[in-house]
Amino acid sequence: AVSGRFTISRDNAKNILSLQMNDLKPGDTAMYYCAASWSRYLCAS
């Protein structure tokens, strides 16, 4: 639903995770949360 419109990035030096959201739609209305996982297999799985 957000492919091509949103971009995730991280500034490691500043320890800031960002989500750039372009061409927003009414369906994007929501509470947005950032989350972290220590699992090293998260993406592989």
ModelCIF file with pLDDT and N, C-alpha, C, O atoms, coordinates in Angstrom:
data_MODEL
#
_entry.id   MODEL 
#
_entity.id                         1 
_entity.type                       polymer 
_entity.pdbx_number_of_molecules   1 
#
_entity_poly.entity_id                      1 
_entity_poly.type                           'polypeptide(L)' 
_entity_poly.nstd_linkage                   no 
_entity_poly.nstd_monomer                   no 
_entity_poly.pdbx_seq_one_letter_code       AVSGRFTISRDNAKNILSLQMNDLKPGDTAMYYCAASWSRYLCAS 
_entity_poly.pdbx_seq_one_letter_code_can   AVSGRFTISRDNAKNILSLQMNDLKPGDTAMYYCAASWSRYLCAS 
_entity_poly.pdbx_strand_id                 A 
#
loop_
_entity_poly_seq.entity_id 
_entity_poly_seq.num 
_entity_poly_seq.mon_id 
_entity_poly_seq.hetero 
1 1  ALA n 
1 2  VAL n 
1 3  SER n 
1 4  GLY n 
1 5  ARG n 
1 6  PHE n 
1 7  THR n 
1 8  ILE n 
1 9  SER n 
1 10 ARG n 
1 11 ASP n 
1 12 ASN n 
1 13 ALA n 
1 14 LYS n 
1 15 ASN n 
1 16 ILE n 
1 17 LEU n 
1 18 SER n 
1 19 LEU n 
1 20 GLN n 
1 21 MET n 
1 22 ASN n 
1 23 ASP n 
1 24 LEU n 
1 25 LYS n 
1 26 PRO n 
1 27 GLY n 
1 28 ASP n 
1 29 THR n 
1 30 ALA n 
1 31 MET n 
1 32 TYR n 
1 33 TYR n 
1 34 CYS n 
1 35 ALA n 
1 36 ALA n 
1 37 SER n 
1 38 TRP n 
1 39 SER n 
1 40 ARG n 
1 41 TYR n 
1 42 LEU n 
1 43 CYS n 
1 44 ALA n 
1 45 SER n 
#
_struct_asym.id          A 
_struct_asym.entity_id   1 
#
loop_
_ma_qa_metric.id 
_ma_qa_metric.mode 
_ma_qa_metric.name 
_ma_qa_metric.software_group_id 
_ma_qa_metric.type 
1 global pLDDT . pLDDT 
2 local  pLDDT . pLDDT 
#
_ma_qa_metric_global.metric_id      1 
_ma_qa_metric_global.metric_value   93.71 
_ma_qa_metric_global.model_id       1 
_ma_qa_metric_global.ordinal_id     1 
#
loop_
_ma_qa_metric_local.label_asym_id 
_ma_qa_metric_local.label_comp_id 
_ma_qa_metric_local.label_seq_id 
_ma_qa_metric_local.metric_id 
_ma_qa_metric_local.metric_value 
_ma_qa_metric_local.model_id 
_ma_qa_metric_local.ordinal_id 
A ALA 1  2 97.00 1 1  
A VAL 2  2 98.00 1 2  
A SER 3  2 97.00 1 3  
A GLY 4  2 98.00 1 4  
A ARG 5  2 98.00 1 5  
A PHE 6  2 98.00 1 6  
A THR 7  2 98.00 1 7  
A ILE 8  2 97.00 1 8  
A SER 9  2 95.00 1 9  
A ARG 10 2 91.00 1 10 
A ASP 11 2 89.00 1 11 
A ASN 12 2 81.00 1 12 
A ALA 13 2 84.00 1 13 
A LYS 14 2 87.00 1 14 
A ASN 15 2 87.00 1 15 
A ILE 16 2 92.00 1 16 
A LEU 17 2 93.00 1 17 
A SER 18 2 96.00 1 18 
A LEU 19 2 98.00 1 19 
A GLN 20 2 98.00 1 20 
A MET 21 2 98.00 1 21 
A ASN 22 2 98.00 1 22 
A ASP 23 2 98.00 1 23 
A LEU 24 2 98.00 1 24 
A LYS 25 2 98.00 1 25 
A PRO 26 2 97.00 1 26 
A GLY 27 2 97.00 1 27 
A ASP 28 2 98.00 1 28 
A THR 29 2 98.00 1 29 
A ALA 30 2 98.00 1 30 
A MET 31 2 98.00 1 31 
A TYR 32 2 98.00 1 32 
A TYR 33 2 97.00 1 33 
A CYS 34 2 96.00 1 34 
A ALA 35 2 95.00 1 35 
A ALA 36 2 93.00 1 36 
A SER 37 2 91.00 1 37 
A TRP 38 2 86.00 1 38 
A SER 39 2 84.00 1 39 
A ARG 40 2 80.00 1 40 
A TYR 41 2 87.00 1 41 
A LEU 42 2 90.00 1 42 
A CYS 43 2 90.00 1 43 
A ALA 44 2 90.00 1 44 
A SER 45 2 92.00 1 45 
#
loop_
_atom_site.group_PDB 
_atom_site.id 
_atom_site.type_symbol 
_atom_site.label_atom_id 
_atom_site.label_alt_id 
_atom_site.label_comp_id 
_atom_site.label_asym_id 
_atom_site.label_entity_id 
_atom_site.label_seq_id 
_atom_site.pdbx_PDB_ins_code 
_atom_site.Cartn_x 
_atom_site.Cartn_y 
_atom_site.Cartn_z 
_atom_site.occupancy 
_atom_site.B_iso_or_equiv 
_atom_site.pdbx_formal_charge 
_atom_site.auth_seq_id 
_atom_site.auth_comp_id 
_atom_site.auth_asym_id 
_atom_site.auth_atom_id 
_atom_site.pdbx_PDB_model_num 
ATOM 1   N N  . ALA A 1 1  ? 0.800  -1.217  0.000  1.00 97.00 ? 1  ALA A N  1 
ATOM 2   C CA . ALA A 1 1  ? 0.000  0.000   0.000  1.00 97.00 ? 1  ALA A CA 1 
ATOM 3   C C  . ALA A 1 1  ? 0.836  1.272   0.000  1.00 97.00 ? 1  ALA A C  1 
ATOM 4   O O  . ALA A 1 1  ? 0.351  2.330   -0.400 1.00 97.00 ? 1  ALA A O  1 
ATOM 5   N N  . VAL A 1 2  ? 2.085  1.180   0.443  1.00 98.00 ? 2  VAL A N  1 
ATOM 6   C CA . VAL A 1 2  ? 2.919  2.375   0.531  1.00 98.00 ? 2  VAL A CA 1 
ATOM 7   C C  . VAL A 1 2  ? 4.125  2.318   -0.387 1.00 98.00 ? 2  VAL A C  1 
ATOM 8   O O  . VAL A 1 2  ? 4.898  3.273   -0.455 1.00 98.00 ? 2  VAL A O  1 
ATOM 9   N N  . SER A 1 3  ? 4.294  1.226   -1.083 1.00 97.00 ? 3  SER A N  1 
ATOM 10  C CA . SER A 1 3  ? 5.443  1.057   -1.967 1.00 97.00 ? 3  SER A CA 1 
ATOM 11  C C  . SER A 1 3  ? 5.497  2.181   -3.000 1.00 97.00 ? 3  SER A C  1 
ATOM 12  O O  . SER A 1 3  ? 4.502  2.500   -3.650 1.00 97.00 ? 3  SER A O  1 
ATOM 13  N N  . GLY A 1 4  ? 6.666  2.761   -3.132 1.00 98.00 ? 4  GLY A N  1 
ATOM 14  C CA . GLY A 1 4  ? 6.845  3.847   -4.075 1.00 98.00 ? 4  GLY A CA 1 
ATOM 15  C C  . GLY A 1 4  ? 6.553  5.213   -3.504 1.00 98.00 ? 4  GLY A C  1 
ATOM 16  O O  . GLY A 1 4  ? 6.886  6.229   -4.113 1.00 98.00 ? 4  GLY A O  1 
ATOM 17  N N  . ARG A 1 5  ? 5.929  5.246   -2.333 1.00 98.00 ? 5  ARG A N  1 
ATOM 18  C CA . ARG A 1 5  ? 5.581  6.524   -1.707 1.00 98.00 ? 5  ARG A CA 1 
ATOM 19  C C  . ARG A 1 5  ? 6.341  6.768   -0.408 1.00 98.00 ? 5  ARG A C  1 
ATOM 20  O O  . ARG A 1 5  ? 6.643  7.913   -0.072 1.00 98.00 ? 5  ARG A O  1 
ATOM 21  N N  . PHE A 1 6  ? 6.647  5.712   0.315  1.00 98.00 ? 6  PHE A N  1 
ATOM 22  C CA . PHE A 1 6  ? 7.335  5.825   1.598  1.00 98.00 ? 6  PHE A CA 1 
ATOM 23  C C  . PHE A 1 6  ? 8.773  5.346   1.474  1.00 98.00 ? 6  PHE A C  1 
ATOM 24  O O  . PHE A 1 6  ? 9.078  4.455   0.681  1.00 98.00 ? 6  PHE A O  1 
ATOM 25  N N  . THR A 1 7  ? 9.646  5.944   2.262  1.00 98.00 ? 7  THR A N  1 
ATOM 26  C CA . THR A 1 7  ? 11.043 5.546   2.292  1.00 98.00 ? 7  THR A CA 1 
ATOM 27  C C  . THR A 1 7  ? 11.530 5.489   3.732  1.00 98.00 ? 7  THR A C  1 
ATOM 28  O O  . THR A 1 7  ? 11.394 6.457   4.480  1.00 98.00 ? 7  THR A O  1 
ATOM 29  N N  . ILE A 1 8  ? 12.092 4.364   4.112  1.00 97.00 ? 8  ILE A N  1 
ATOM 30  C CA . ILE A 1 8  ? 12.639 4.214   5.447  1.00 97.00 ? 8  ILE A CA 1 
ATOM 31  C C  . ILE A 1 8  ? 14.150 4.392   5.390  1.00 97.00 ? 8  ILE A C  1 
ATOM 32  O O  . ILE A 1 8  ? 14.799 3.942   4.446  1.00 97.00 ? 8  ILE A O  1 
ATOM 33  N N  . SER A 1 9  ? 14.697 5.040   6.385  1.00 95.00 ? 9  SER A N  1 
ATOM 34  C CA . SER A 1 9  ? 16.132 5.246   6.442  1.00 95.00 ? 9  SER A CA 1 
ATOM 35  C C  . SER A 1 9  ? 16.558 5.419   7.890  1.00 95.00 ? 9  SER A C  1 
ATOM 36  O O  . SER A 1 9  ? 15.733 5.639   8.777  1.00 95.00 ? 9  SER A O  1 
ATOM 37  N N  . ARG A 1 10 ? 17.849 5.316   8.109  1.00 91.00 ? 10 ARG A N  1 
ATOM 38  C CA . ARG A 1 10 ? 18.370 5.468   9.459  1.00 91.00 ? 10 ARG A CA 1 
ATOM 39  C C  . ARG A 1 10 ? 19.677 6.237   9.428  1.00 91.00 ? 10 ARG A C  1 
ATOM 40  O O  . ARG A 1 10 ? 20.567 5.963   8.622  1.00 91.00 ? 10 ARG A O  1 
ATOM 41  N N  . ASP A 1 11 ? 19.768 7.191   10.311 1.00 89.00 ? 11 ASP A N  1 
ATOM 42  C CA . ASP A 1 11 ? 20.995 7.938   10.504 1.00 89.00 ? 11 ASP A CA 1 
ATOM 43  C C  . ASP A 1 11 ? 21.674 7.314   11.715 1.00 89.00 ? 11 ASP A C  1 
ATOM 44  O O  . ASP A 1 11 ? 21.318 7.607   12.856 1.00 89.00 ? 11 ASP A O  1 
ATOM 45  N N  . ASN A 1 12 ? 22.640 6.463   11.463 1.00 81.00 ? 12 ASN A N  1 
ATOM 46  C CA . ASN A 1 12 ? 23.288 5.749   12.552 1.00 81.00 ? 12 ASN A CA 1 
ATOM 47  C C  . ASN A 1 12 ? 24.039 6.679   13.504 1.00 81.00 ? 12 ASN A C  1 
ATOM 48  O O  . ASN A 1 12 ? 24.061 6.451   14.714 1.00 81.00 ? 12 ASN A O  1 
ATOM 49  N N  . ALA A 1 13 ? 24.642 7.706   12.964 1.00 84.00 ? 13 ALA A N  1 
ATOM 50  C CA . ALA A 1 13 ? 25.392 8.638   13.794 1.00 84.00 ? 13 ALA A CA 1 
ATOM 51  C C  . ALA A 1 13 ? 24.483 9.348   14.788 1.00 84.00 ? 13 ALA A C  1 
ATOM 52  O O  . ALA A 1 13 ? 24.872 9.597   15.930 1.00 84.00 ? 13 ALA A O  1 
ATOM 53  N N  . LYS A 1 14 ? 23.271 9.672   14.348 1.00 87.00 ? 14 LYS A N  1 
ATOM 54  C CA . LYS A 1 14 ? 22.335 10.389  15.207 1.00 87.00 ? 14 LYS A CA 1 
ATOM 55  C C  . LYS A 1 14 ? 21.327 9.474   15.884 1.00 87.00 ? 14 LYS A C  1 
ATOM 56  O O  . LYS A 1 14 ? 20.499 9.924   16.676 1.00 87.00 ? 14 LYS A O  1 
ATOM 57  N N  . ASN A 1 15 ? 21.403 8.192   15.568 1.00 87.00 ? 15 ASN A N  1 
ATOM 58  C CA . ASN A 1 15 ? 20.467 7.218   16.139 1.00 87.00 ? 15 ASN A CA 1 
ATOM 59  C C  . ASN A 1 15 ? 19.016 7.606   15.876 1.00 87.00 ? 15 ASN A C  1 
ATOM 60  O O  . ASN A 1 15 ? 18.177 7.559   16.776 1.00 87.00 ? 15 ASN A O  1 
ATOM 61  N N  . ILE A 1 16 ? 18.735 7.985   14.649 1.00 92.00 ? 16 ILE A N  1 
ATOM 62  C CA . ILE A 1 16 ? 17.394 8.393   14.274 1.00 92.00 ? 16 ILE A CA 1 
ATOM 63  C C  . ILE A 1 16 ? 16.900 7.562   13.094 1.00 92.00 ? 16 ILE A C  1 
ATOM 64  O O  . ILE A 1 16 ? 17.555 7.484   12.055 1.00 92.00 ? 16 ILE A O  1 
ATOM 65  N N  . LEU A 1 17 ? 15.758 6.957   13.269 1.00 93.00 ? 17 LEU A N  1 
ATOM 66  C CA . LEU A 1 17 ? 15.088 6.226   12.211 1.00 93.00 ? 17 LEU A CA 1 
ATOM 67  C C  . LEU A 1 17 ? 14.036 7.146   11.612 1.00 93.00 ? 17 LEU A C  1 
ATOM 68  O O  . LEU A 1 17 ? 13.296 7.805   12.343 1.00 93.00 ? 17 LEU A O  1 
ATOM 69  N N  . SER A 1 18 ? 13.966 7.195   10.289 1.00 96.00 ? 18 SER A N  1 
ATOM 70  C CA . SER A 1 18 ? 13.035 8.100   9.630  1.00 96.00 ? 18 SER A CA 1 
ATOM 71  C C  . SER A 1 18 ? 12.123 7.353   8.668  1.00 96.00 ? 18 SER A C  1 
ATOM 72  O O  . SER A 1 18 ? 12.469 6.295   8.142  1.00 96.00 ? 18 SER A O  1 
ATOM 73  N N  . LEU A 1 19 ? 10.968 7.925   8.457  1.00 98.00 ? 19 LEU A N  1 
ATOM 74  C CA . LEU A 1 19 ? 10.038 7.417   7.462  1.00 98.00 ? 19 LEU A CA 1 
ATOM 75  C C  . LEU A 1 19 ? 9.548  8.612   6.665  1.00 98.00 ? 19 LEU A C  1 
ATOM 76  O O  . LEU A 1 19 ? 8.751  9.413   7.154  1.00 98.00 ? 19 LEU A O  1 
ATOM 77  N N  . GLN A 1 20 ? 10.024 8.727   5.447  1.00 98.00 ? 20 GLN A N  1 
ATOM 78  C CA . GLN A 1 20 ? 9.589  9.788   4.562  1.00 98.00 ? 20 GLN A CA 1 
ATOM 79  C C  . GLN A 1 20 ? 8.339  9.321   3.843  1.00 98.00 ? 20 GLN A C  1 
ATOM 80  O O  . GLN A 1 20 ? 8.345  8.280   3.187  1.00 98.00 ? 20 GLN A O  1 
ATOM 81  N N  . MET A 1 21 ? 7.285  10.076  3.964  1.00 98.00 ? 21 MET A N  1 
ATOM 82  C CA . MET A 1 21 ? 6.004  9.702   3.392  1.00 98.00 ? 21 MET A CA 1 
ATOM 83  C C  . MET A 1 21 ? 5.583  10.755  2.378  1.00 98.00 ? 21 MET A C  1 
ATOM 84  O O  . MET A 1 21 ? 5.356  11.914  2.725  1.00 98.00 ? 21 MET A O  1 
ATOM 85  N N  . ASN A 1 22 ? 5.482  10.343  1.135  1.00 98.00 ? 22 ASN A N  1 
ATOM 86  C CA . ASN A 1 22 ? 5.077  11.233  0.060  1.00 98.00 ? 22 ASN A CA 1 
ATOM 87  C C  . ASN A 1 22 ? 3.745  10.794  -0.520 1.00 98.00 ? 22 ASN A C  1 
ATOM 88  O O  . ASN A 1 22 ? 3.326  9.648   -0.363 1.00 98.00 ? 22 ASN A O  1 
ATOM 89  N N  . ASP A 1 23 ? 3.090  11.724  -1.191 1.00 98.00 ? 23 ASP A N  1 
ATOM 90  C CA . ASP A 1 23 ? 1.812  11.447  -1.835 1.00 98.00 ? 23 ASP A CA 1 
ATOM 91  C C  . ASP A 1 23 ? 0.867  10.729  -0.874 1.00 98.00 ? 23 ASP A C  1 
ATOM 92  O O  . ASP A 1 23 ? 0.328  9.667   -1.184 1.00 98.00 ? 23 ASP A O  1 
ATOM 93  N N  . LEU A 1 24 ? 0.686  11.315  0.267  1.00 98.00 ? 24 LEU A N  1 
ATOM 94  C CA . LEU A 1 24 ? -0.141 10.696  1.296  1.00 98.00 ? 24 LEU A CA 1 
ATOM 95  C C  . LEU A 1 24 ? -1.592 10.585  0.874  1.00 98.00 ? 24 LEU A C  1 
ATOM 96  O O  . LEU A 1 24 ? -2.131 11.458  0.193  1.00 98.00 ? 24 LEU A O  1 
ATOM 97  N N  . LYS A 1 25 ? -2.207 9.505   1.289  1.00 98.00 ? 25 LYS A N  1 
ATOM 98  C CA . LYS A 1 25 ? -3.602 9.219   0.991  1.00 98.00 ? 25 LYS A CA 1 
ATOM 99  C C  . LYS A 1 25 ? -4.406 9.184   2.279  1.00 98.00 ? 25 LYS A C  1 
ATOM 100 O O  . LYS A 1 25 ? -3.843 8.963   3.352  1.00 98.00 ? 25 LYS A O  1 
ATOM 101 N N  . PRO A 1 26 ? -5.711 9.398   2.191  1.00 97.00 ? 26 PRO A N  1 
ATOM 102 C CA . PRO A 1 26 ? -6.529 9.294   3.407  1.00 97.00 ? 26 PRO A CA 1 
ATOM 103 C C  . PRO A 1 26 ? -6.367 7.947   4.096  1.00 97.00 ? 26 PRO A C  1 
ATOM 104 O O  . PRO A 1 26 ? -6.456 7.863   5.321  1.00 97.00 ? 26 PRO A O  1 
ATOM 105 N N  . GLY A 1 27 ? -6.129 6.894   3.324  1.00 97.00 ? 27 GLY A N  1 
ATOM 106 C CA . GLY A 1 27 ? -5.934 5.572   3.892  1.00 97.00 ? 27 GLY A CA 1 
ATOM 107 C C  . GLY A 1 27 ? -4.663 5.439   4.705  1.00 97.00 ? 27 GLY A C  1 
ATOM 108 O O  . GLY A 1 27 ? -4.477 4.445   5.408  1.00 97.00 ? 27 GLY A O  1 
ATOM 109 N N  . ASP A 1 28 ? -3.785 6.426   4.620  1.00 98.00 ? 28 ASP A N  1 
ATOM 110 C CA . ASP A 1 28 ? -2.563 6.408   5.414  1.00 98.00 ? 28 ASP A CA 1 
ATOM 111 C C  . ASP A 1 28 ? -2.797 6.932   6.826  1.00 98.00 ? 28 ASP A C  1 
ATOM 112 O O  . ASP A 1 28 ? -1.904 6.861   7.670  1.00 98.00 ? 28 ASP A O  1 
ATOM 113 N N  . THR A 1 29 ? -3.975 7.449   7.081  1.00 98.00 ? 29 THR A N  1 
ATOM 114 C CA . THR A 1 29 ? -4.292 7.971   8.402  1.00 98.00 ? 29 THR A CA 1 
ATOM 115 C C  . THR A 1 29 ? -4.199 6.864   9.439  1.00 98.00 ? 29 THR A C  1 
ATOM 116 O O  . THR A 1 29 ? -4.877 5.842   9.333  1.00 98.00 ? 29 THR A O  1 
ATOM 117 N N  . ALA A 1 30 ? -3.369 7.070   10.426 1.00 98.00 ? 30 ALA A N  1 
ATOM 118 C CA . ALA A 1 30 ? -3.140 6.049   11.449 1.00 98.00 ? 30 ALA A CA 1 
ATOM 119 C C  . ALA A 1 30 ? -2.161 6.576   12.481 1.00 98.00 ? 30 ALA A C  1 
ATOM 120 O O  . ALA A 1 30 ? -1.538 7.622   12.301 1.00 98.00 ? 30 ALA A O  1 
ATOM 121 N N  . MET A 1 31 ? -2.042 5.832   13.552 1.00 98.00 ? 31 MET A N  1 
ATOM 122 C CA . MET A 1 31 ? -0.977 6.069   14.503 1.00 98.00 ? 31 MET A CA 1 
ATOM 123 C C  . MET A 1 31 ? 0.224  5.271   14.009 1.00 98.00 ? 31 MET A C  1 
ATOM 124 O O  . MET A 1 31 ? 0.115  4.073   13.748 1.00 98.00 ? 31 MET A O  1 
ATOM 125 N N  . TYR A 1 32 ? 1.342  5.923   13.885 1.00 98.00 ? 32 TYR A N  1 
ATOM 126 C CA . TYR A 1 32 ? 2.543  5.285   13.381 1.00 98.00 ? 32 TYR A CA 1 
ATOM 127 C C  . TYR A 1 32 ? 3.520  5.015   14.511 1.00 98.00 ? 32 TYR A C  1 
ATOM 128 O O  . TYR A 1 32 ? 3.780  5.879   15.348 1.00 98.00 ? 32 TYR A O  1 
ATOM 129 N N  . TYR A 1 33 ? 4.053  3.808   14.519 1.00 97.00 ? 33 TYR A N  1 
ATOM 130 C CA . TYR A 1 33 ? 4.971  3.374   15.555 1.00 97.00 ? 33 TYR A CA 1 
ATOM 131 C C  . TYR A 1 33 ? 6.279  2.888   14.952 1.00 97.00 ? 33 TYR A C  1 
ATOM 132 O O  . TYR A 1 33 ? 6.287  2.235   13.908 1.00 97.00 ? 33 TYR A O  1 
ATOM 133 N N  . CYS A 1 34 ? 7.365  3.203   15.602 1.00 96.00 ? 34 CYS A N  1 
ATOM 134 C CA . CYS A 1 34 ? 8.619  2.577   15.231 1.00 96.00 ? 34 CYS A CA 1 
ATOM 135 C C  . CYS A 1 34 ? 8.864  1.436   16.200 1.00 96.00 ? 34 CYS A C  1 
ATOM 136 O O  . CYS A 1 34 ? 8.454  1.488   17.360 1.00 96.00 ? 34 CYS A O  1 
ATOM 137 N N  . ALA A 1 35 ? 9.527  0.421   15.716 1.00 95.00 ? 35 ALA A N  1 
ATOM 138 C CA . ALA A 1 35 ? 9.782  -0.758  16.522 1.00 95.00 ? 35 ALA A CA 1 
ATOM 139 C C  . ALA A 1 35 ? 11.141 -1.327  16.168 1.00 95.00 ? 35 ALA A C  1 
ATOM 140 O O  . ALA A 1 35 ? 11.642 -1.137  15.059 1.00 95.00 ? 35 ALA A O  1 
ATOM 141 N N  . ALA A 1 36 ? 11.725 -2.021  17.118 1.00 93.00 ? 36 ALA A N  1 
ATOM 142 C CA . ALA A 1 36 ? 13.042 -2.605  16.918 1.00 93.00 ? 36 ALA A CA 1 
ATOM 143 C C  . ALA A 1 36 ? 13.060 -4.044  17.392 1.00 93.00 ? 36 ALA A C  1 
ATOM 144 O O  . ALA A 1 36 ? 12.382 -4.416  18.349 1.00 93.00 ? 36 ALA A O  1 
ATOM 145 N N  . SER A 1 37 ? 13.846 -4.835  16.705 1.00 91.00 ? 37 SER A N  1 
ATOM 146 C CA . SER A 1 37 ? 14.019 -6.237  17.061 1.00 91.00 ? 37 SER A CA 1 
ATOM 147 C C  . SER A 1 37 ? 15.493 -6.575  17.115 1.00 91.00 ? 37 SER A C  1 
ATOM 148 O O  . SER A 1 37 ? 16.279 -6.146  16.271 1.00 91.00 ? 37 SER A O  1 
ATOM 149 N N  . TRP A 1 38 ? 15.854 -7.353  18.122 1.00 86.00 ? 38 TRP A N  1 
ATOM 150 C CA . TRP A 1 38 ? 17.248 -7.758  18.250 1.00 86.00 ? 38 TRP A CA 1 
ATOM 151 C C  . TRP A 1 38 ? 17.546 -9.031  17.467 1.00 86.00 ? 38 TRP A C  1 
ATOM 152 O O  . TRP A 1 38 ? 18.700 -9.450  17.381 1.00 86.00 ? 38 TRP A O  1 
ATOM 153 N N  . SER A 1 39 ? 16.522 -9.645  16.900 1.00 84.00 ? 39 SER A N  1 
ATOM 154 C CA . SER A 1 39 ? 16.698 -10.896 16.176 1.00 84.00 ? 39 SER A CA 1 
ATOM 155 C C  . SER A 1 39 ? 17.548 -10.685 14.928 1.00 84.00 ? 39 SER A C  1 
ATOM 156 O O  . SER A 1 39 ? 17.258 -9.828  14.093 1.00 84.00 ? 39 SER A O  1 
ATOM 157 N N  . ARG A 1 40 ? 18.594 -11.480 14.825 1.00 80.00 ? 40 ARG A N  1 
ATOM 158 C CA . ARG A 1 40 ? 19.461 -11.416 13.650 1.00 80.00 ? 40 ARG A CA 1 
ATOM 159 C C  . ARG A 1 40 ? 18.885 -12.193 12.472 1.00 80.00 ? 40 ARG A C  1 
ATOM 160 O O  . ARG A 1 40 ? 19.426 -12.156 11.367 1.00 80.00 ? 40 ARG A O  1 
ATOM 161 N N  . TYR A 1 41 ? 17.791 -12.890 12.717 1.00 87.00 ? 41 TYR A N  1 
ATOM 162 C CA . TYR A 1 41 ? 17.167 -13.685 11.668 1.00 87.00 ? 41 TYR A CA 1 
ATOM 163 C C  . TYR A 1 41 ? 15.843 -13.082 11.214 1.00 87.00 ? 41 TYR A C  1 
ATOM 164 O O  . TYR A 1 41 ? 15.097 -13.709 10.463 1.00 87.00 ? 41 TYR A O  1 
ATOM 165 N N  . LEU A 1 42 ? 15.555 -11.882 11.662 1.00 90.00 ? 42 LEU A N  1 
ATOM 166 C CA . LEU A 1 42 ? 14.279 -11.259 11.357 1.00 90.00 ? 42 LEU A CA 1 
ATOM 167 C C  . LEU A 1 42 ? 14.011 -11.184 9.856  1.00 90.00 ? 42 LEU A C  1 
ATOM 168 O O  . LEU A 1 42 ? 12.964 -11.630 9.386  1.00 90.00 ? 42 LEU A O  1 
ATOM 169 N N  . CYS A 1 43 ? 14.940 -10.628 9.121  1.00 90.00 ? 43 CYS A N  1 
ATOM 170 C CA . CYS A 1 43 ? 14.745 -10.439 7.691  1.00 90.00 ? 43 CYS A CA 1 
ATOM 171 C C  . CYS A 1 43 ? 14.873 -11.744 6.924  1.00 90.00 ? 43 CYS A C  1 
ATOM 172 O O  . CYS A 1 43 ? 14.140 -11.979 5.963  1.00 90.00 ? 43 CYS A O  1 
ATOM 173 N N  . ALA A 1 44 ? 15.801 -12.590 7.345  1.00 90.00 ? 44 ALA A N  1 
ATOM 174 C CA . ALA A 1 44 ? 15.974 -13.873 6.670  1.00 90.00 ? 44 ALA A CA 1 
ATOM 175 C C  . ALA A 1 44 ? 14.729 -14.734 6.783  1.00 90.00 ? 44 ALA A C  1 
ATOM 176 O O  . ALA A 1 44 ? 14.426 -15.525 5.890  1.00 90.00 ? 44 ALA A O  1 
ATOM 177 N N  . SER A 1 45 ? 14.014 -14.576 7.882  1.00 92.00 ? 45 SER A N  1 
ATOM 178 C CA . SER A 1 45 ? 12.798 -15.346 8.095  1.00 92.00 ? 45 SER A CA 1 
ATOM 179 C C  . SER A 1 45 ? 11.551 -14.593 7.656  1.00 92.00 ? 45 SER A C  1 
ATOM 180 O O  . SER A 1 45 ? 10.442 -15.113 7.774  1.00 92.00 ? 45 SER A O  1 
#
